[in-house]
Protein backbone atom coordinates (compact mmCIF):
# COMPACT_ATOMS: atom_id res chain seq x y z
CA MET A 1 174.79 -99.58 -54.42
CA ASN A 2 175.72 -96.28 -56.23
CA THR A 3 174.00 -93.85 -54.05
CA GLU A 4 174.77 -91.09 -56.41
CA LEU A 5 172.50 -92.59 -59.11
CA LYS A 6 169.18 -90.75 -59.24
CA ILE A 7 166.50 -92.58 -61.18
CA GLN A 8 163.22 -90.95 -61.59
CA SER A 9 160.11 -92.92 -60.56
CA PRO A 10 157.00 -93.25 -62.72
CA LYS A 11 154.68 -90.43 -62.34
CA LEU A 12 151.37 -92.04 -62.05
CA PRO A 13 147.97 -90.17 -61.06
CA ASN A 14 146.18 -91.14 -57.95
CA HIS A 15 143.32 -92.93 -59.91
CA LEU A 16 143.65 -95.23 -62.90
CA ASN A 17 140.82 -96.51 -65.05
CA PRO A 18 140.56 -100.17 -65.07
CA ILE A 19 141.06 -101.62 -68.68
CA PHE A 20 140.86 -105.07 -70.37
CA LEU A 21 143.53 -104.84 -72.88
CA GLN A 22 142.85 -107.97 -75.02
CA GLU A 23 139.89 -106.40 -76.90
CA GLU A 24 141.43 -102.79 -77.29
CA ILE A 25 144.84 -103.46 -78.70
CA THR A 26 145.75 -102.54 -82.20
CA SER A 27 148.63 -101.05 -83.90
CA ASP A 28 149.48 -97.27 -83.32
CA GLN A 29 147.21 -96.98 -80.34
CA TYR A 30 147.79 -94.49 -77.52
CA PHE A 31 146.76 -95.55 -73.87
CA LYS A 32 147.00 -93.17 -70.91
CA SER A 33 146.09 -93.38 -67.25
CA TYR A 34 144.70 -97.06 -66.99
CA LEU A 35 145.01 -100.09 -64.74
CA ALA A 36 145.52 -103.61 -66.38
CA GLU A 37 145.13 -105.91 -63.54
CA ASP A 38 144.63 -109.91 -63.28
CA GLN A 39 144.27 -110.66 -67.09
CA GLU A 40 146.27 -112.38 -69.56
CA LEU A 41 146.89 -111.21 -73.25
CA ASN A 42 147.45 -113.81 -75.93
CA ASN A 43 148.50 -113.83 -79.61
CA ILE A 44 149.04 -110.17 -80.18
CA GLN A 45 151.50 -108.94 -82.60
CA VAL A 46 151.29 -105.14 -83.11
CA GLU A 47 153.64 -102.42 -83.36
CA LYS A 48 153.95 -98.80 -82.17
CA LEU A 49 151.82 -98.86 -79.15
CA SER A 50 152.24 -96.11 -76.68
CA PHE A 51 151.40 -96.63 -72.94
CA GLU A 52 151.55 -93.51 -70.62
CA LYS A 53 150.88 -93.32 -66.71
CA MET A 54 149.75 -96.92 -66.67
CA LYS A 55 150.05 -99.80 -63.99
CA PHE A 56 149.99 -103.45 -65.13
CA LYS A 57 149.68 -105.90 -62.07
CA ASN A 58 149.45 -109.65 -62.43
CA VAL A 59 149.29 -109.40 -66.19
CA VAL A 60 150.58 -112.30 -68.16
CA LEU A 61 151.61 -112.00 -71.97
CA LYS A 62 151.72 -115.01 -74.18
CA GLU A 63 152.76 -115.34 -77.96
CA VAL A 64 152.95 -111.52 -77.87
CA SER A 65 155.01 -109.17 -79.95
CA LEU A 66 155.01 -105.26 -79.08
CA GLN A 67 157.90 -103.97 -81.36
CA TYR A 68 158.58 -100.23 -81.07
CA ILE A 69 156.51 -99.77 -78.18
CA GLU A 70 156.62 -96.46 -76.01
CA LEU A 71 156.44 -96.79 -72.44
CA THR A 72 156.36 -93.66 -70.15
CA ASP A 73 155.53 -93.48 -66.48
CA VAL A 74 154.51 -97.23 -66.37
CA LEU A 75 154.66 -99.59 -63.57
CA PHE A 76 154.92 -103.39 -64.08
CA GLU A 77 154.24 -105.46 -60.85
CA LYS A 78 154.26 -109.22 -60.65
CA CYS A 79 153.81 -109.28 -64.44
CA ASP A 80 155.04 -112.43 -66.78
CA LEU A 81 156.56 -110.99 -69.95
CA SER A 82 158.46 -113.91 -70.85
CA ASN A 83 159.64 -114.33 -74.43
CA VAL A 84 157.63 -111.22 -75.32
CA ASP A 85 159.14 -109.15 -78.21
CA LEU A 86 159.69 -105.61 -76.89
CA SER A 87 162.52 -104.75 -79.33
CA ASN A 88 163.32 -101.37 -80.31
CA ALA A 89 161.02 -99.91 -77.60
CA ILE A 90 161.37 -96.38 -75.80
CA ILE A 91 161.27 -97.03 -72.11
CA HIS A 92 161.07 -93.88 -69.76
CA ARG A 93 160.35 -93.72 -66.04
CA VAL A 94 159.31 -97.36 -65.95
CA VAL A 95 159.37 -99.77 -62.95
CA PHE A 96 159.61 -103.75 -63.49
CA LYS A 97 159.02 -105.17 -59.89
CA ASP A 98 158.83 -108.84 -59.23
CA CYS A 99 158.54 -109.57 -62.96
CA LYS A 100 159.09 -112.72 -64.79
CA LEU A 101 161.30 -111.63 -67.95
CA VAL A 102 162.61 -115.07 -69.03
CA GLY A 103 163.62 -114.56 -72.80
CA THR A 104 162.18 -111.23 -73.03
CA ASN A 105 163.52 -109.28 -76.14
CA PHE A 106 164.43 -105.76 -75.26
CA SER A 107 167.10 -105.62 -78.15
CA GLY A 108 167.80 -102.25 -79.82
CA SER A 109 165.74 -100.41 -76.83
CA THR A 110 166.17 -96.91 -75.38
CA PHE A 111 166.08 -96.98 -71.51
CA ARG A 112 165.88 -93.82 -69.47
CA ASN A 113 165.17 -93.75 -65.64
CA VAL A 114 164.29 -97.53 -65.71
CA THR A 115 164.32 -99.83 -62.49
CA PHE A 116 164.08 -103.49 -62.39
CA ILE A 117 163.60 -104.75 -58.95
CA ASP A 118 163.59 -108.58 -57.83
CA CYS A 119 163.10 -109.66 -61.65
CA PHE A 120 163.89 -113.10 -62.98
CA GLY A 121 165.38 -112.25 -66.54
CA ASP A 122 167.35 -115.26 -67.45
CA TYR A 123 167.94 -115.55 -71.24
CA SER A 124 166.70 -111.89 -71.74
CA SER A 125 168.09 -109.98 -74.81
CA PHE A 126 169.29 -106.14 -74.18
CA GLY A 127 171.94 -106.22 -77.17
CA PHE A 128 172.34 -102.98 -78.91
CA SER A 129 170.50 -101.02 -76.49
CA ASN A 130 171.13 -97.63 -74.86
CA PHE A 131 170.90 -97.27 -71.08
CA LYS A 132 171.15 -94.08 -68.88
CA ASP A 133 170.03 -93.90 -65.28
CA VAL A 134 169.09 -97.50 -65.10
CA GLY A 135 169.18 -99.91 -62.00
CA PHE A 136 168.99 -103.67 -61.81
CA GLN A 137 168.38 -104.57 -58.06
CA HIS A 138 168.45 -108.18 -56.96
CA CYS A 139 167.71 -109.61 -60.41
CA SER A 140 168.61 -112.76 -61.99
CA LEU A 141 170.18 -112.06 -65.34
CA CYS A 142 171.89 -115.43 -66.03
CA GLN A 143 172.91 -115.92 -69.89
CA SER A 144 171.30 -112.29 -70.69
CA ASP A 145 172.67 -110.55 -73.62
CA PHE A 146 173.80 -106.89 -73.49
CA TYR A 147 175.93 -107.12 -76.56
CA GLU A 148 177.15 -103.93 -78.11
CA SER A 149 175.03 -101.85 -75.64
CA LYS A 150 175.73 -98.37 -74.39
CA LEU A 151 175.82 -98.10 -70.52
CA LYS A 152 175.82 -94.91 -68.76
CA HIS A 153 174.94 -94.28 -64.90
CA ILE A 154 173.81 -97.78 -64.53
CA GLU A 155 174.16 -100.18 -61.60
CA PHE A 156 173.76 -103.89 -61.23
CA HIS A 157 173.32 -104.49 -57.37
CA HIS A 158 173.28 -108.00 -56.00
CA CYS A 159 172.38 -109.54 -59.36
CA HIS A 160 173.10 -113.03 -60.86
CA LEU A 161 175.12 -112.42 -64.12
CA ASN A 162 176.58 -115.93 -64.73
CA ARG A 163 177.26 -116.67 -68.35
CA SER A 164 175.69 -112.99 -69.46
CA ASN A 165 177.25 -111.30 -72.35
CA PHE A 166 178.95 -108.06 -72.04
CA ALA A 167 180.83 -108.25 -75.17
CA GLY A 168 181.37 -104.88 -76.99
CA ILE A 169 180.67 -102.92 -74.01
CA VAL A 170 182.82 -100.22 -72.40
CA LEU A 171 182.92 -101.27 -68.60
CA LYS A 172 184.75 -98.37 -67.22
CA GLY A 173 182.96 -97.20 -63.95
CA ILE A 174 180.47 -100.10 -64.13
CA ASP A 175 180.28 -101.79 -60.41
CA LEU A 176 179.85 -105.57 -60.54
CA SER A 177 181.25 -106.05 -57.17
CA SER A 178 177.95 -107.04 -55.44
CA CYS A 179 177.00 -109.32 -58.28
CA SER A 180 177.65 -113.22 -58.59
CA PHE A 181 178.98 -114.97 -61.66
CA GLU A 182 181.26 -117.94 -62.42
CA ASN A 183 181.64 -117.16 -66.19
CA ILE A 184 180.82 -113.93 -67.94
CA THR A 185 181.84 -112.84 -71.64
CA ILE A 186 183.63 -109.45 -71.78
CA SER A 187 185.82 -107.60 -74.43
CA LEU A 188 189.51 -107.39 -72.91
CA GLU A 189 190.04 -103.84 -74.47
CA ASN A 190 186.78 -102.53 -72.78
CA LEU A 191 187.70 -103.92 -69.33
CA ASP A 192 189.48 -101.00 -68.06
CA GLY A 193 188.01 -99.22 -65.03
CA CYS A 194 185.48 -101.89 -64.46
CA ILE A 195 184.70 -102.42 -60.68
CA ILE A 196 184.90 -105.91 -59.28
CA SER A 197 185.55 -107.89 -56.15
CA SER A 198 188.50 -109.84 -55.34
CA GLU A 199 186.37 -113.03 -55.51
CA GLN A 200 185.00 -112.03 -58.96
CA ALA A 201 188.58 -111.68 -60.33
CA ILE A 202 188.49 -115.46 -60.74
CA GLY A 203 185.59 -115.29 -63.18
CA PHE A 204 186.95 -112.57 -65.09
CA SER A 205 190.19 -114.63 -65.56
CA ARG A 206 188.13 -117.32 -67.01
CA ALA A 207 186.54 -115.18 -69.33
CA LEU A 208 190.08 -114.11 -70.51
CA GLY A 209 191.14 -117.74 -71.07
CA LEU A 210 193.59 -117.71 -68.24
CA VAL A 211 194.25 -120.84 -66.12
CA ILE A 212 194.72 -120.40 -62.40
CA LYS A 213 197.23 -122.75 -60.87
CA GLU A 214 197.33 -123.39 -57.13
CA THR A 215 201.06 -122.88 -55.80
CA GLU A 216 202.65 -125.07 -53.39
CA HIS A 217 204.45 -123.22 -50.66
CA GLU A 218 207.72 -124.80 -49.32
């Protein structure tokens, strides 16, 4: 892990007031200092919500679209946000811990001081997003899409990245050496300076269309 990467944690108050969000959410609303726990949100399509200093625990979202949402000082723990539309979000000092993020749409979003821990995020979309001070730790991100995103001060620590898409991304300084993948999509012109293990070189060679032939020693 890159020990020099300092990611700020959410700044949460000691006391949070419980809230049942299903009956409260409409567009352009601002919520602060609430705890949403053990509940399910269904069939919600709103824009420009703001959540600040909040904790979500054991919350399931189904058929939900929250485009242009702003999340500041928020903790998501054991939540299911699969297939939720969070595109064009602003996400600052947020932690996703033990969350299900299968097919979640984060495309076009801005991430600052965000940590994903033990999350299952296969098929998730982060394309055209802007990352700075972001960590993915022990996450499954197979067939996830980071196309044309900007990555600065980001770490992938022991993540599964098989068939993920990093095309159009400058990979200089990005350390993937602890991650696992057999195939990965990259742009050759942006590969210079990417940090990988010797075993991963095989996966990168496949991405480049190379065929590795075993040689016979006389």
